[in-house]
Amino acid sequence: MSKTRYSDSELQEFKDLILGKLKEAQEDLALLRGSLSHSDDHGTDDTGRSFNMMEDGSDTLSREEVAQLASRQEKFISNLQNALVRIENKTYGVCRVTGKLIQKERLRLVPHATLSIEAKNAQS
């Protein structure tokens, strides 16, 4: 018989991974919001990971681009928070289309995934 859900210890492993990603994402979002509210202020707060990443491509991202990045980051944070709810409900890692377990490798790369590769490919 195939497993219908991940074990509590496996869920804890994913929870730890997600909490780490959530912390990073929230820090990145704070940097993005900070750069929106201080768009001309390039003081020492700009040394964060995201800001340096953004600076590599161009000297200054437009406010619109920063706002888009912030919006995507908010969506990512929301998806991670929803994944934590699924962990609490013990439904985490179950494909919402096939009902089968999503591969661990996929969840490690995309911890908020709700579709198996099989279901994702069928969508395309």
Protein backbone atom coordinates (compact mmCIF):
# COMPACT_ATOMS: atom_id res chain seq x y z
CA MET A 1 0.00 0.00 0.00
CA SER A 2 1.39 3.41 -0.88
CA LYS A 3 1.69 6.19 1.68
CA THR A 4 -1.15 8.69 1.71
CA ARG A 5 0.66 11.30 3.80
CA TYR A 6 4.08 12.21 5.13
CA SER A 7 5.01 11.09 8.66
CA ASP A 8 5.09 13.57 11.52
CA SER A 9 8.90 13.58 11.45
CA GLU A 10 8.90 14.25 7.70
CA LEU A 11 6.34 17.03 8.20
CA GLN A 12 8.58 18.53 10.90
CA GLU A 13 11.51 18.50 8.45
CA PHE A 14 9.40 20.40 5.88
CA LYS A 15 8.13 22.77 8.59
CA ASP A 16 11.72 23.68 9.54
CA LEU A 17 12.58 24.24 5.86
CA ILE A 18 9.49 26.42 5.33
CA LEU A 19 10.07 28.45 8.50
CA GLY A 20 13.61 29.22 7.30
CA LYS A 21 12.36 30.27 3.87
CA LEU A 22 9.58 32.31 5.46
CA LYS A 23 12.06 34.22 7.64
CA GLU A 24 14.24 34.99 4.59
CA ALA A 25 11.22 36.01 2.52
CA GLN A 26 9.96 38.35 5.25
CA GLU A 27 13.42 39.95 5.56
CA ASP A 28 13.55 40.39 1.78
CA LEU A 29 10.08 41.92 1.77
CA ALA A 30 11.10 44.37 4.51
CA LEU A 31 14.08 45.41 2.37
CA LEU A 32 11.87 45.87 -0.68
CA ARG A 33 9.35 47.92 1.29
CA GLY A 34 12.21 49.93 2.77
CA SER A 35 13.57 50.70 -0.67
CA LEU A 36 10.08 51.77 -1.76
CA SER A 37 9.72 54.22 1.10
CA HIS A 38 13.32 55.49 0.82
CA SER A 39 13.86 55.19 -2.91
CA ASP A 40 16.58 57.83 -2.99
CA ASP A 41 18.26 56.85 0.26
CA HIS A 42 21.12 54.44 -0.40
CA GLY A 43 22.50 54.27 3.10
CA THR A 44 23.81 51.26 4.95
CA ASP A 45 20.44 49.43 4.98
CA ASP A 46 21.05 48.58 1.33
CA THR A 47 23.58 45.90 2.15
CA GLY A 48 20.96 43.15 2.43
CA ARG A 49 21.00 40.11 0.17
CA SER A 50 18.00 41.14 -1.95
CA PHE A 51 19.14 44.66 -2.47
CA ASN A 52 22.57 43.55 -3.68
CA MET A 53 20.87 41.04 -5.97
CA MET A 54 18.68 43.79 -7.39
CA GLU A 55 21.60 46.18 -7.75
CA ASP A 56 23.54 43.71 -9.90
CA GLY A 57 21.16 44.06 -12.83
CA SER A 58 20.85 47.80 -12.86
CA ASP A 59 21.87 50.70 -10.72
CA THR A 60 18.34 51.50 -9.70
CA LEU A 61 15.20 49.51 -10.12
CA SER A 62 12.13 51.57 -10.86
CA ARG A 63 9.59 51.92 -8.08
CA GLU A 64 7.20 49.90 -10.24
CA GLU A 65 9.67 47.00 -10.48
CA VAL A 66 10.32 47.10 -6.74
CA ALA A 67 6.57 47.15 -6.10
CA GLN A 68 6.16 44.12 -8.39
CA LEU A 69 8.94 42.27 -6.56
CA ALA A 70 7.32 43.16 -3.22
CA SER A 71 3.95 41.90 -4.48
CA ARG A 72 5.50 38.59 -5.63
CA GLN A 73 7.28 38.28 -2.29
CA GLU A 74 3.97 38.82 -0.44
CA LYS A 75 2.37 36.07 -2.54
CA PHE A 76 5.33 33.75 -1.80
CA ILE A 77 5.00 34.46 1.94
CA SER A 78 1.27 33.74 1.78
CA ASN A 79 1.94 30.45 -0.06
CA LEU A 80 4.50 29.45 2.59
CA GLN A 81 2.05 30.30 5.39
CA ASN A 82 -0.61 28.19 3.66
CA ALA A 83 1.90 25.33 3.48
CA LEU A 84 2.39 25.59 7.26
CA VAL A 85 -1.39 25.27 7.71
CA ARG A 86 -1.34 22.13 5.54
CA ILE A 87 1.46 20.74 7.73
CA GLU A 88 -0.69 21.34 10.84
CA ASN A 89 -3.63 19.64 9.08
CA LYS A 90 -1.31 16.81 7.98
CA THR A 91 -2.38 17.36 4.36
CA TYR A 92 0.99 18.84 3.35
CA GLY A 93 2.65 17.26 0.34
CA VAL A 94 -0.53 15.75 -1.09
CA CYS A 95 -1.24 16.74 -4.70
CA ARG A 96 -4.56 18.59 -4.88
CA VAL A 97 -5.30 17.01 -8.29
CA THR A 98 -4.11 13.40 -8.07
CA GLY A 99 -4.31 12.95 -4.28
CA LYS A 100 -0.87 11.29 -4.41
CA LEU A 101 2.17 12.37 -2.43
CA ILE A 102 4.29 15.04 -4.11
CA GLN A 103 7.91 13.91 -4.39
CA LYS A 104 10.16 15.08 -1.56
CA GLU A 105 12.70 16.46 -4.05
CA ARG A 106 10.02 18.75 -5.51
CA LEU A 107 8.87 19.89 -2.07
CA ARG A 108 12.44 20.69 -1.06
CA LEU A 109 12.77 22.94 -4.13
CA VAL A 110 9.22 24.33 -4.03
CA PRO A 111 8.06 23.82 -0.43
CA HIS A 112 4.67 25.46 -1.08
CA ALA A 113 3.84 23.18 -4.06
CA THR A 114 0.31 21.79 -4.12
CA LEU A 115 0.68 19.91 -7.40
CA SER A 116 2.79 16.89 -8.29
CA ILE A 117 5.00 17.18 -11.38
CA GLU A 118 2.53 14.86 -13.13
CA ALA A 119 -0.42 17.20 -12.40
CA LYS A 120 1.63 20.32 -13.16
CA ASN A 121 2.66 18.96 -16.56
CA ALA A 122 -0.93 17.99 -17.35
CA GLN A 123 -1.93 21.63 -16.82
CA SER A 124 0.44 22.95 -19.49
